[in-house]
Amino acid sequence: MSTPQVQQIITEMGSRLGANSGLGGTLKFDFGDVGSVYIDGKSAPNSVADGANKSADCTITLTLETFEKIYRGEMDPTSAFMQGKLRVAGDMGLAMKLSPILQKARG
């Protein structure tokens, strides 16, 4: 079960990404104990949901604080990766689409 803060991210991203995020796969942001966000870029329309018990083509593990900095545009995802602040498992190609997806989610 996600925290209210993670639920807010799910709601906000869901309304901003729209029917077609351009992702073309499934992506999960795993924040550890506080919850996770699952973006289904394969479904039509695309959806954003709680990521509990869901596997994805690409899983990005990071703290909620790091995610929020990236989401607000205060930190570059590539820099965060290089600094060890986020880990990527699975399809690296989907991880490379992270910046444009988050820009769209920011509105």
PDB file of N, CA and C in Angstrom:
ATOM      1  N   MET A   1       0.841  -1.188   0.000  1.00  0.00           N
ATOM      2  CA  MET A   1       0.000   0.000   0.000  1.00  0.00           C
ATOM      3  C   MET A   1       0.880   1.244   0.000  1.00  0.00           C
ATOM      4  N   SER A   2       0.581   2.155  -0.883  1.00  0.00           N
ATOM      5  CA  SER A   2       1.366   3.383  -1.021  1.00  0.00           C
ATOM      6  C   SER A   2       0.933   4.436  -0.010  1.00  0.00           C
ATOM      7  N   THR A   3       1.861   5.325   0.303  1.00  0.00           N
ATOM      8  CA  THR A   3       1.571   6.442   1.190  1.00  0.00           C
ATOM      9  C   THR A   3       0.727   7.478   0.441  1.00  0.00           C
ATOM     10  N   PRO A   4       0.084   8.397   1.172  1.00  0.00           N
ATOM     11  CA  PRO A   4      -0.697   9.457   0.503  1.00  0.00           C
ATOM     12  C   PRO A   4       0.154  10.268  -0.486  1.00  0.00           C
ATOM     13  N   GLN A   5       1.423  10.456  -0.160  1.00  0.00           N
ATOM     14  CA  GLN A   5       2.322  11.200  -1.048  1.00  0.00           C
ATOM     15  C   GLN A   5       2.487  10.472  -2.380  1.00  0.00           C
ATOM     16  N   VAL A   6       2.648   9.145  -2.339  1.00  0.00           N
ATOM     17  CA  VAL A   6       2.790   8.352  -3.557  1.00  0.00           C
ATOM     18  C   VAL A   6       1.461   8.331  -4.311  1.00  0.00           C
ATOM     19  N   GLN A   7       0.350   8.250  -3.603  1.00  0.00           N
ATOM     20  CA  GLN A   7      -0.964   8.296  -4.257  1.00  0.00           C
ATOM     21  C   GLN A   7      -1.159   9.610  -5.016  1.00  0.00           C
ATOM     22  N   GLN A   8      -0.662  10.698  -4.456  1.00  0.00           N
ATOM     23  CA  GLN A   8      -0.757  12.002  -5.119  1.00  0.00           C
ATOM     24  C   GLN A   8       0.047  11.989  -6.420  1.00  0.00           C
ATOM     25  N   ILE A   9       1.230  11.384  -6.413  1.00  0.00           N
ATOM     26  CA  ILE A   9       2.058  11.286  -7.621  1.00  0.00           C
ATOM     27  C   ILE A   9       1.317  10.477  -8.686  1.00  0.00           C
ATOM     28  N   ILE A  10       0.710   9.361  -8.269  1.00  0.00           N
ATOM     29  CA  ILE A  10      -0.034   8.499  -9.202  1.00  0.00           C
ATOM     30  C   ILE A  10      -1.165   9.303  -9.858  1.00  0.00           C
ATOM     31  N   THR A  11      -1.931  10.025  -9.049  1.00  0.00           N
ATOM     32  CA  THR A  11      -3.049  10.816  -9.564  1.00  0.00           C
ATOM     33  C   THR A  11      -2.569  11.909 -10.518  1.00  0.00           C
ATOM     34  N   GLU A  12      -1.543  12.638 -10.094  1.00  0.00           N
ATOM     35  CA  GLU A  12      -1.022  13.745 -10.892  1.00  0.00           C
ATOM     36  C   GLU A  12      -0.439  13.257 -12.217  1.00  0.00           C
ATOM     37  N   MET A  13       0.385  12.215 -12.170  1.00  0.00           N
ATOM     38  CA  MET A  13       0.990  11.697 -13.395  1.00  0.00           C
ATOM     39  C   MET A  13      -0.070  11.120 -14.327  1.00  0.00           C
ATOM     40  N   GLY A  14      -1.053  10.450 -13.761  1.00  0.00           N
ATOM     41  CA  GLY A  14      -2.110   9.858 -14.569  1.00  0.00           C
ATOM     42  C   GLY A  14      -2.869  10.897 -15.366  1.00  0.00           C
ATOM     43  N   SER A  15      -3.173  12.031 -14.734  1.00  0.00           N
ATOM     44  CA  SER A  15      -3.936  13.064 -15.434  1.00  0.00           C
ATOM     45  C   SER A  15      -3.087  13.800 -16.457  1.00  0.00           C
ATOM     46  N   ARG A  16      -1.787  13.914 -16.227  1.00  0.00           N
ATOM     47  CA  ARG A  16      -0.933  14.679 -17.139  1.00  0.00           C
ATOM     48  C   ARG A  16      -0.362  13.864 -18.293  1.00  0.00           C
ATOM     49  N   LEU A  17      -0.127  12.577 -18.082  1.00  0.00           N
ATOM     50  CA  LEU A  17       0.454  11.776 -19.165  1.00  0.00           C
ATOM     51  C   LEU A  17      -0.548  11.507 -20.278  1.00  0.00           C
ATOM     52  N   GLY A  18      -1.826  11.423 -19.934  1.00  0.00           N
ATOM     53  CA  GLY A  18      -2.845  11.244 -20.950  1.00  0.00           C
ATOM     54  C   GLY A  18      -2.911   9.832 -21.507  1.00  0.00           C
ATOM     55  N   ALA A  19      -3.591   9.693 -22.635  1.00  0.00           N
ATOM     56  CA  ALA A  19      -3.874   8.382 -23.220  1.00  0.00           C
ATOM     57  C   ALA A  19      -2.648   7.725 -23.832  1.00  0.00           C
ATOM     58  N   ASN A  20      -1.674   8.543 -24.267  1.00  0.00           N
ATOM     59  CA  ASN A  20      -0.481   7.974 -24.888  1.00  0.00           C
ATOM     60  C   ASN A  20       0.759   8.705 -24.390  1.00  0.00           C
ATOM     61  N   SER A  21       1.470   8.067 -23.469  1.00  0.00           N
ATOM     62  CA  SER A  21       2.664   8.672 -22.863  1.00  0.00           C
ATOM     63  C   SER A  21       3.860   8.644 -23.803  1.00  0.00           C
ATOM     64  N   GLY A  22       3.815   7.778 -24.815  1.00  0.00           N
ATOM     65  CA  GLY A  22       4.957   7.608 -25.702  1.00  0.00           C
ATOM     66  C   GLY A  22       5.969   6.616 -25.162  1.00  0.00           C
ATOM     67  N   LEU A  23       5.643   5.986 -24.051  1.00  0.00           N
ATOM     68  CA  LEU A  23       6.570   5.064 -23.395  1.00  0.00           C
ATOM     69  C   LEU A  23       6.702   3.746 -24.161  1.00  0.00           C
ATOM     70  N   GLY A  24       5.599   3.153 -24.547  1.00  0.00           N
ATOM     71  CA  GLY A  24       5.635   1.906 -25.311  1.00  0.00           C
ATOM     72  C   GLY A  24       6.044   0.680 -24.504  1.00  0.00           C
ATOM     73  N   GLY A  25       5.992   0.770 -23.200  1.00  0.00           N
ATOM     74  CA  GLY A  25       6.344  -0.345 -22.328  1.00  0.00           C
ATOM     75  C   GLY A  25       5.827  -0.066 -20.926  1.00  0.00           C
ATOM     76  N   THR A  26       6.208  -0.908 -19.981  1.00  0.00           N
ATOM     77  CA  THR A  26       5.795  -0.687 -18.598  1.00  0.00           C
ATOM     78  C   THR A  26       7.005  -0.257 -17.773  1.00  0.00           C
ATOM     79  N   LEU A  27       6.777   0.714 -16.915  1.00  0.00           N
ATOM     80  CA  LEU A  27       7.838   1.302 -16.111  1.00  0.00           C
ATOM     81  C   LEU A  27       7.350   1.410 -14.677  1.00  0.00           C
ATOM     82  N   LYS A  28       8.214   1.037 -13.747  1.00  0.00           N
ATOM     83  CA  LYS A  28       7.865   1.101 -12.333  1.00  0.00           C
ATOM     84  C   LYS A  28       8.905   1.921 -11.596  1.00  0.00           C
ATOM     85  N   PHE A  29       8.428   2.907 -10.829  1.00  0.00           N
ATOM     86  CA  PHE A  29       9.287   3.655  -9.921  1.00  0.00           C
ATOM     87  C   PHE A  29       9.098   3.020  -8.554  1.00  0.00           C
ATOM     88  N   ASP A  30      10.153   2.429  -8.013  1.00  0.00           N
ATOM     89  CA  ASP A  30      10.091   1.749  -6.726  1.00  0.00           C
ATOM     90  C   ASP A  30      10.750   2.617  -5.667  1.00  0.00           C
ATOM     91  N   PHE A  31       9.943   3.091  -4.715  1.00  0.00           N
ATOM     92  CA  PHE A  31      10.436   3.960  -3.637  1.00  0.00           C
ATOM     93  C   PHE A  31      10.688   3.187  -2.350  1.00  0.00           C
ATOM     94  N   GLY A  32      10.718   1.867  -2.423  1.00  0.00           N
ATOM     95  CA  GLY A  32      10.939   1.053  -1.228  1.00  0.00           C
ATOM     96  C   GLY A  32       9.682   0.954  -0.384  1.00  0.00           C
ATOM     97  N   ASP A  33       9.826   1.129   0.922  1.00  0.00           N
ATOM     98  CA  ASP A  33       8.720   0.936   1.868  1.00  0.00           C
ATOM     99  C   ASP A  33       7.547   1.900   1.676  1.00  0.00           C
ATOM    100  N   VAL A  34       7.791   3.080   1.077  1.00  0.00           N
ATOM    101  CA  VAL A  34       6.707   4.068   0.954  1.00  0.00           C
ATOM    102  C   VAL A  34       5.781   3.779  -0.221  1.00  0.00           C
ATOM    103  N   GLY A  35       6.195   2.904  -1.135  1.00  0.00           N
ATOM    104  CA  GLY A  35       5.319   2.531  -2.242  1.00  0.00           C
ATOM    105  C   GLY A  35       6.003   2.593  -3.586  1.00  0.00           C
ATOM    106  N   SER A  36       5.202   2.503  -4.637  1.00  0.00           N
ATOM    107  CA  SER A  36       5.733   2.532  -5.996  1.00  0.00           C
ATOM    108  C   SER A  36       4.669   3.037  -6.958  1.00  0.00           C
ATOM    109  N   VAL A  37       5.140   3.488  -8.118  1.00  0.00           N
ATOM    110  CA  VAL A  37       4.267   4.002  -9.176  1.00  0.00           C
ATOM    111  C   VAL A  37       4.520   3.161 -10.419  1.00  0.00           C
ATOM    112  N   TYR A  38       3.443   2.692 -11.048  1.00  0.00           N
ATOM    113  CA  TYR A  38       3.522   1.826 -12.218  1.00  0.00           C
ATOM    114  C   TYR A  38       2.878   2.544 -13.402  1.00  0.00           C
ATOM    115  N   ILE A  39       3.651   2.736 -14.466  1.00  0.00           N
ATOM    116  CA  ILE A  39       3.133   3.359 -15.682  1.00  0.00           C
ATOM    117  C   ILE A  39       3.008   2.274 -16.743  1.00  0.00           C
ATOM    118  N   ASP A  40       1.780   2.053 -17.213  1.00  0.00           N
ATOM    119  CA  ASP A  40       1.535   1.072 -18.270  1.00  0.00           C
ATOM    120  C   ASP A  40       1.422   1.822 -19.587  1.00  0.00           C
ATOM    121  N   GLY A  41       2.531   1.851 -20.319  1.00  0.00           N
ATOM    122  CA  GLY A  41       2.581   2.535 -21.611  1.00  0.00           C
ATOM    123  C   GLY A  41       2.201   1.624 -22.757  1.00  0.00           C
ATOM    124  N   LYS A  42       1.761   0.402 -22.459  1.00  0.00           N
ATOM    125  CA  LYS A  42       1.323  -0.541 -23.490  1.00  0.00           C
ATOM    126  C   LYS A  42      -0.193  -0.525 -23.646  1.00  0.00           C
ATOM    127  N   SER A  43      -0.908  -0.247 -22.557  1.00  0.00           N
ATOM    128  CA  SER A  43      -2.373  -0.274 -22.601  1.00  0.00           C
ATOM    129  C   SER A  43      -2.899   0.941 -23.362  1.00  0.00           C
ATOM    130  N   ALA A  44      -4.097   0.828 -23.880  1.00  0.00           N
ATOM    131  CA  ALA A  44      -4.739   1.952 -24.541  1.00  0.00           C
ATOM    132  C   ALA A  44      -6.067   2.203 -23.851  1.00  0.00           C
ATOM    133  N   PRO A  45      -6.249   3.320 -23.177  1.00  0.00           N
ATOM    134  CA  PRO A  45      -5.247   4.360 -22.963  1.00  0.00           C
ATOM    135  C   PRO A  45      -4.202   3.934 -21.927  1.00  0.00           C
ATOM    136  N   ASN A  46      -3.080   4.650 -21.927  1.00  0.00           N
ATOM    137  CA  ASN A  46      -2.046   4.382 -20.929  1.00  0.00           C
ATOM    138  C   ASN A  46      -2.623   4.627 -19.540  1.00  0.00           C
ATOM    139  N   SER A  47      -2.017   3.976 -18.532  1.00  0.00           N
ATOM    140  CA  SER A  47      -2.514   4.161 -17.174  1.00  0.00           C
ATOM    141  C   SER A  47      -1.357   4.290 -16.194  1.00  0.00           C
ATOM    142  N   VAL A  48      -1.656   4.935 -15.074  1.00  0.00           N
ATOM    143  CA  VAL A  48      -0.705   5.082 -13.979  1.00  0.00           C
ATOM    144  C   VAL A  48      -1.408   4.545 -12.736  1.00  0.00           C
ATOM    145  N   ALA A  49      -0.730   3.638 -12.019  1.00  0.00           N
ATOM    146  CA  ALA A  49      -1.354   2.989 -10.867  1.00  0.00           C
ATOM    147  C   ALA A  49      -0.321   2.696  -9.794  1.00  0.00           C
ATOM    148  N   ASP A  50      -0.811   2.186  -8.673  1.00  0.00           N
ATOM    149  CA  ASP A  50       0.062   1.701  -7.599  1.00  0.00           C
ATOM    150  C   ASP A  50       0.843   0.511  -8.162  1.00  0.00           C
ATOM    151  N   GLY A  51       2.133   0.478  -7.917  1.00  0.00           N
ATOM    152  CA  GLY A  51       2.972  -0.573  -8.486  1.00  0.00           C
ATOM    153  C   GLY A  51       3.136  -1.806  -7.619  1.00  0.00           C
ATOM    154  N   ALA A  52       2.438  -1.863  -6.485  1.00  0.00           N
ATOM    155  CA  ALA A  52       2.566  -3.018  -5.596  1.00  0.00           C
ATOM    156  C   ALA A  52       2.222  -4.302  -6.335  1.00  0.00           C
ATOM    157  N   ASN A  53       3.075  -5.298  -6.189  1.00  0.00           N
ATOM    158  CA  ASN A  53       2.886  -6.627  -6.775  1.00  0.00           C
ATOM    159  C   ASN A  53       2.800  -6.625  -8.298  1.00  0.00           C
ATOM    160  N   LYS A  54       3.375  -5.619  -8.940  1.00  0.00           N
ATOM    161  CA  LYS A  54       3.395  -5.577 -10.402  1.00  0.00           C
ATOM    162  C   LYS A  54       4.837  -5.603 -10.877  1.00  0.00           C
ATOM    163  N   SER A  55       5.086  -6.411 -11.913  1.00  0.00           N
ATOM    164  CA  SER A  55       6.414  -6.401 -12.511  1.00  0.00           C
ATOM    165  C   SER A  55       6.349  -5.538 -13.767  1.00  0.00           C
ATOM    166  N   ALA A  56       7.470  -4.940 -14.124  1.00  0.00           N
ATOM    167  CA  ALA A  56       7.514  -4.019 -15.254  1.00  0.00           C
ATOM    168  C   ALA A  56       8.685  -4.357 -16.172  1.00  0.00           C
ATOM    169  N   ASP A  57       8.622  -3.846 -17.395  1.00  0.00           N
ATOM    170  CA  ASP A  57       9.729  -4.028 -18.341  1.00  0.00           C
ATOM    171  C   ASP A  57      10.997  -3.358 -17.814  1.00  0.00           C
ATOM    172  N   CYS A  58      10.800  -2.269 -17.078  1.00  0.00           N
ATOM    173  CA  CYS A  58      11.919  -1.525 -16.491  1.00  0.00           C
ATOM    174  C   CYS A  58      11.516  -1.047 -15.098  1.00  0.00           C
ATOM    175  N   THR A  59      12.350  -1.320 -14.114  1.00  0.00           N
ATOM    176  CA  THR A  59      12.103  -0.851 -12.747  1.00  0.00           C
ATOM    177  C   THR A  59      13.215   0.106 -12.350  1.00  0.00           C
ATOM    178  N   ILE A  60      12.821   1.284 -11.905  1.00  0.00           N
ATOM    179  CA  ILE A  60      13.770   2.298 -11.455  1.00  0.00           C
ATOM    180  C   ILE A  60      13.602   2.415  -9.942  1.00  0.00           C
ATOM    181  N   THR A  61      14.663   2.113  -9.214  1.00  0.00           N
ATOM    182  CA  THR A  61      14.637   2.145  -7.758  1.00  0.00           C
ATOM    183  C   THR A  61      15.347   3.406  -7.283  1.00  0.00           C
ATOM    184  N   LEU A  62      14.641   4.197  -6.476  1.00  0.00           N
ATOM    185  CA  LEU A  62      15.184   5.450  -5.969  1.00  0.00           C
ATOM    186  C   LEU A  62      14.364   5.885  -4.764  1.00  0.00           C
ATOM    187  N   THR A  63      14.877   6.876  -4.051  1.00  0.00           N
ATOM    188  CA  THR A  63      14.120   7.393  -2.912  1.00  0.00           C
ATOM    189  C   THR A  63      13.038   8.338  -3.429  1.00  0.00           C
ATOM    190  N   LEU A  64      12.028   8.530  -2.622  1.00  0.00           N
ATOM    191  CA  LEU A  64      10.960   9.461  -2.976  1.00  0.00           C
ATOM    192  C   LEU A  64      11.527  10.873  -3.127  1.00  0.00           C
ATOM    193  N   GLU A  65      12.469  11.229  -2.274  1.00  0.00           N
ATOM    194  CA  GLU A  65      13.102  12.556  -2.333  1.00  0.00           C
ATOM    195  C   GLU A  65      13.820  12.763  -3.669  1.00  0.00           C
ATOM    196  N   THR A  66      14.576  11.760  -4.126  1.00  0.00           N
ATOM    197  CA  THR A  66      15.279  11.861  -5.400  1.00  0.00           C
ATOM    198  C   THR A  66      14.276  11.961  -6.545  1.00  0.00           C
ATOM    199  N   PHE A  67      13.210  11.138  -6.499  1.00  0.00           N
ATOM    200  CA  PHE A  67      12.181  11.188  -7.539  1.00  0.00           C
ATOM    201  C   PHE A  67      11.587  12.591  -7.622  1.00  0.00           C
ATOM    202  N   GLU A  68      11.255  13.181  -6.478  1.00  0.00           N
ATOM    203  CA  GLU A  68      10.632  14.502  -6.478  1.00  0.00           C
ATOM    204  C   GLU A  68      11.559  15.560  -7.065  1.00  0.00           C
ATOM    205  N   LYS A  69      12.854  15.463  -6.801  1.00  0.00           N
ATOM    206  CA  LYS A  69      13.810  16.409  -7.382  1.00  0.00           C
ATOM    207  C   LYS A  69      13.859  16.244  -8.904  1.00  0.00           C
ATOM    208  N   ILE A  70      13.867  14.995  -9.362  1.00  0.00           N
ATOM    209  CA  ILE A  70      13.877  14.733 -10.807  1.00  0.00           C
ATOM    210  C   ILE A  70      12.562  15.215 -11.413  1.00  0.00           C
ATOM    211  N   TYR A  71      11.464  14.911 -10.759  1.00  0.00           N
ATOM    212  CA  TYR A  71      10.125  15.277 -11.243  1.00  0.00           C
ATOM    213  C   TYR A  71       9.979  16.796 -11.377  1.00  0.00           C
ATOM    214  N   ARG A  72      10.525  17.534 -10.428  1.00  0.00           N
ATOM    215  CA  ARG A  72      10.444  19.002 -10.454  1.00  0.00           C
ATOM    216  C   ARG A  72      11.482  19.624 -11.392  1.00  0.00           C
ATOM    217  N   GLY A  73      12.363  18.801 -11.943  1.00  0.00           N
ATOM    218  CA  GLY A  73      13.379  19.309 -12.847  1.00  0.00           C
ATOM    219  C   GLY A  73      14.602  19.862 -12.139  1.00  0.00           C
ATOM    220  N   GLU A  74      14.750  19.561 -10.853  1.00  0.00           N
ATOM    221  CA  GLU A  74      15.873  20.050 -10.058  1.00  0.00           C
ATOM    222  C   GLU A  74      17.084  19.127 -10.149  1.00  0.00           C
ATOM    223  N   MET A  75      16.887  17.918 -10.668  1.00  0.00           N
ATOM    224  CA  MET A  75      17.970  16.950 -10.802  1.00  0.00           C
ATOM    225  C   MET A  75      17.792  16.210 -12.123  1.00  0.00           C
ATOM    226  N   ASP A  76      18.877  16.015 -12.834  1.00  0.00           N
ATOM    227  CA  ASP A  76      18.846  15.286 -14.100  1.00  0.00           C
ATOM    228  C   ASP A  76      18.876  13.783 -13.821  1.00  0.00           C
ATOM    229  N   PRO A  77      17.998  13.000 -14.475  1.00  0.00           N
ATOM    230  CA  PRO A  77      17.982  11.551 -14.231  1.00  0.00           C
ATOM    231  C   PRO A  77      19.316  10.868 -14.514  1.00  0.00           C
ATOM    232  N   THR A  78      20.018  11.321 -15.551  1.00  0.00           N
ATOM    233  CA  THR A  78      21.312  10.721 -15.884  1.00  0.00           C
ATOM    234  C   THR A  78      22.329  10.995 -14.781  1.00  0.00           C
ATOM    235  N   SER A  79      22.325  12.232 -14.270  1.00  0.00           N
ATOM    236  CA  SER A  79      23.227  12.578 -13.161  1.00  0.00           C
ATOM    237  C   SER A  79      22.903  11.745 -11.926  1.00  0.00           C
ATOM    238  N   ALA A  80      21.616  11.578 -11.643  1.00  0.00           N
ATOM    239  CA  ALA A  80      21.199  10.778 -10.485  1.00  0.00           C
ATOM    240  C   ALA A  80      21.690   9.343 -10.632  1.00  0.00           C
ATOM    241  N   PHE A  81      21.601   8.806 -11.840  1.00  0.00           N
ATOM    242  CA  PHE A  81      22.079   7.443 -12.107  1.00  0.00           C
ATOM    243  C   PHE A  81      23.586   7.358 -11.878  1.00  0.00           C
ATOM    244  N   MET A  82      24.321   8.325 -12.427  1.00  0.00           N
ATOM    245  CA  MET A  82      25.789   8.337 -12.299  1.00  0.00           C
ATOM    246  C   MET A  82      26.234   8.486 -10.841  1.00  0.00           C
ATOM    247  N   GLN A  83      25.426   9.189 -10.036  1.00  0.00           N
ATOM    248  CA  GLN A  83      25.741   9.397  -8.627  1.00  0.00           C
ATOM    249  C   GLN A  83      25.266   8.233  -7.751  1.00  0.00           C
ATOM    250  N   GLY A  84      24.623   7.241  -8.376  1.00  0.00           N
ATOM    251  CA  GLY A  84      24.134   6.097  -7.624  1.00  0.00           C
ATOM    252  C   GLY A  84      22.851   6.362  -6.860  1.00  0.00           C
ATOM    253  N   LYS A  85      22.156   7.448  -7.209  1.00  0.00           N
ATOM    254  CA  LYS A  85      20.922   7.790  -6.509  1.00  0.00           C
ATOM    255  C   LYS A  85      19.716   7.066  -7.082  1.00  0.00           C
ATOM    256  N   LEU A  86      19.883   6.447  -8.260  1.00  0.00           N
ATOM    257  CA  LEU A  86      18.826   5.600  -8.799  1.00  0.00           C
ATOM    258  C   LEU A  86      19.456   4.412  -9.495  1.00  0.00           C
ATOM    259  N   ARG A  87      18.732   3.291  -9.454  1.00  0.00           N
ATOM    260  CA  ARG A  87      19.181   2.055 -10.100  1.00  0.00           C
ATOM    261  C   ARG A  87      18.143   1.641 -11.120  1.00  0.00           C
ATOM    262  N   VAL A  88      18.635   1.078 -12.217  1.00  0.00           N
ATOM    263  CA  VAL A  88      17.745   0.644 -13.290  1.00  0.00           C
ATOM    264  C   VAL A  88      17.886  -0.859 -13.463  1.00  0.00           C
ATOM    265  N   ALA A  89      16.748  -1.552 -13.496  1.00  0.00           N
ATOM    266  CA  ALA A  89      16.727  -2.993 -13.766  1.00  0.00           C
ATOM    267  C   ALA A  89      15.785  -3.228 -14.940  1.00  0.00           C
ATOM    268  N   GLY A  90      16.234  -4.012 -15.890  1.00  0.00           N
ATOM    269  CA  GLY A  90      15.382  -4.319 -17.036  1.00  0.00           C
ATOM    270  C   GLY A  90      15.755  -3.510 -18.257  1.00  0.00           C
ATOM    271  N   ASP A  91      14.757  -3.110 -19.029  1.00  0.00           N
ATOM    272  CA  ASP A  91      14.925  -2.452 -20.325  1.00  0.00           C
ATOM    273  C   ASP A  91      15.495  -1.040 -20.181  1.00  0.00           C
ATOM    274  N   MET A  92      16.784  -0.902 -20.492  1.00  0.00           N
ATOM    275  CA  MET A  92      17.457   0.389 -20.377  1.00  0.00           C
ATOM    276  C   MET A  92      16.885   1.401 -21.378  1.00  0.00           C
ATOM    277  N   GLY A  93      16.361   0.908 -22.496  1.00  0.00           N
ATOM    278  CA  GLY A  93      15.755   1.794 -23.493  1.00  0.00           C
ATOM    279  C   GLY A  93      14.575   2.569 -22.913  1.00  0.00           C
ATOM    280  N   LEU A  94      13.788   1.898 -22.069  1.00  0.00           N
ATOM    281  CA  LEU A  94      12.674   2.587 -21.412  1.00  0.00           C
ATOM    282  C   LEU A  94      13.184   3.623 -20.425  1.00  0.00           C
ATOM    283  N   ALA A  95      14.252   3.302 -19.733  1.00  0.00           N
ATOM    284  CA  ALA A  95      14.835   4.253 -18.778  1.00  0.00           C
ATOM    285  C   ALA A  95      15.314   5.511 -19.510  1.00  0.00           C
ATOM    286  N   MET A  96      15.780   5.333 -20.749  1.00  0.00           N
ATOM    287  CA  MET A  96      16.257   6.474 -21.526  1.00  0.00           C
ATOM    288  C   MET A  96      15.111   7.419 -21.915  1.00  0.00           C
ATOM    289  N   LYS A  97      13.882   6.924 -21.880  1.00  0.00           N
ATOM    290  CA  LYS A  97      12.711   7.761 -22.187  1.00  0.00           C
ATOM    291  C   LYS A  97      12.215   8.508 -20.961  1.00  0.00           C
ATOM    292  N   LEU A  98      12.896   8.352 -19.846  1.00  0.00           N
ATOM    293  CA  LEU A  98      12.454   8.933 -18.582  1.00  0.00           C
ATOM    294  C   LEU A  98      12.331  10.458 -18.626  1.00  0.00           C
ATOM    295  N   SER A  99      13.337  11.147 -19.142  1.00  0.00           N
ATOM    296  CA  SER A  99      13.293  12.624 -19.158  1.00  0.00           C
ATOM    297  C   SER A  99      12.094  13.171 -19.916  1.00  0.00           C
ATOM    298  N   PRO A 100      11.839  12.730 -21.172  1.00  0.00           N
ATOM    299  CA  PRO A 100      10.654  13.268 -21.864  1.00  0.00           C
ATOM    300  C   PRO A 100       9.332  12.906 -21.187  1.00  0.00           C
ATOM    301  N   ILE A 101       9.257  11.716 -20.604  1.00  0.00           N
ATOM    302  CA  ILE A 101       8.034  11.293 -19.915  1.00  0.00           C
ATOM    303  C   ILE A 101       7.787  12.202 -18.704  1.00  0.00           C
ATOM    304  N   LEU A 102       8.835  12.477 -17.937  1.00  0.00           N
ATOM    305  CA  LEU A 102       8.663  13.335 -16.754  1.00  0.00           C
ATOM    306  C   LEU A 102       8.385  14.768 -17.144  1.00  0.00           C
ATOM    307  N   GLN A 103       8.955  15.240 -18.259  1.00  0.00           N
ATOM    308  CA  GLN A 103       8.650  16.595 -18.729  1.00  0.00           C
ATOM    309  C   GLN A 103       7.162  16.695 -19.060  1.00  0.00           C
ATOM    310  N   LYS A 104       6.630  15.675 -19.720  1.00  0.00           N
ATOM    311  CA  LYS A 104       5.204  15.644 -20.059  1.00  0.00           C
ATOM    312  C   LYS A 104       4.370  15.598 -18.780  1.00  0.00           C
ATOM    313  N   ALA A 105       4.826  14.819 -17.795  1.00  0.00           N
ATOM    314  CA  ALA A 105       4.091  14.693 -16.534  1.00  0.00           C
ATOM    315  C   ALA A 105       4.091  15.992 -15.738  1.00  0.00           C
ATOM    316  N   ARG A 106       5.146  16.790 -15.890  1.00  0.00           N
ATOM    317  CA  ARG A 106       5.216  18.077 -15.187  1.00  0.00           C
ATOM    318  C   ARG A 106       4.231  19.071 -15.786  1.00  0.00           C
ATOM    319  N   GLY A 107       3.849  18.867 -17.047  1.00  0.00           N
ATOM    320  CA  GLY A 107       2.883  19.751 -17.698  1.00  0.00           C
ATOM    321  C   GLY A 107       3.496  20.927 -18.371  1.00  0.00           C
TER     322      GLY A 107
END
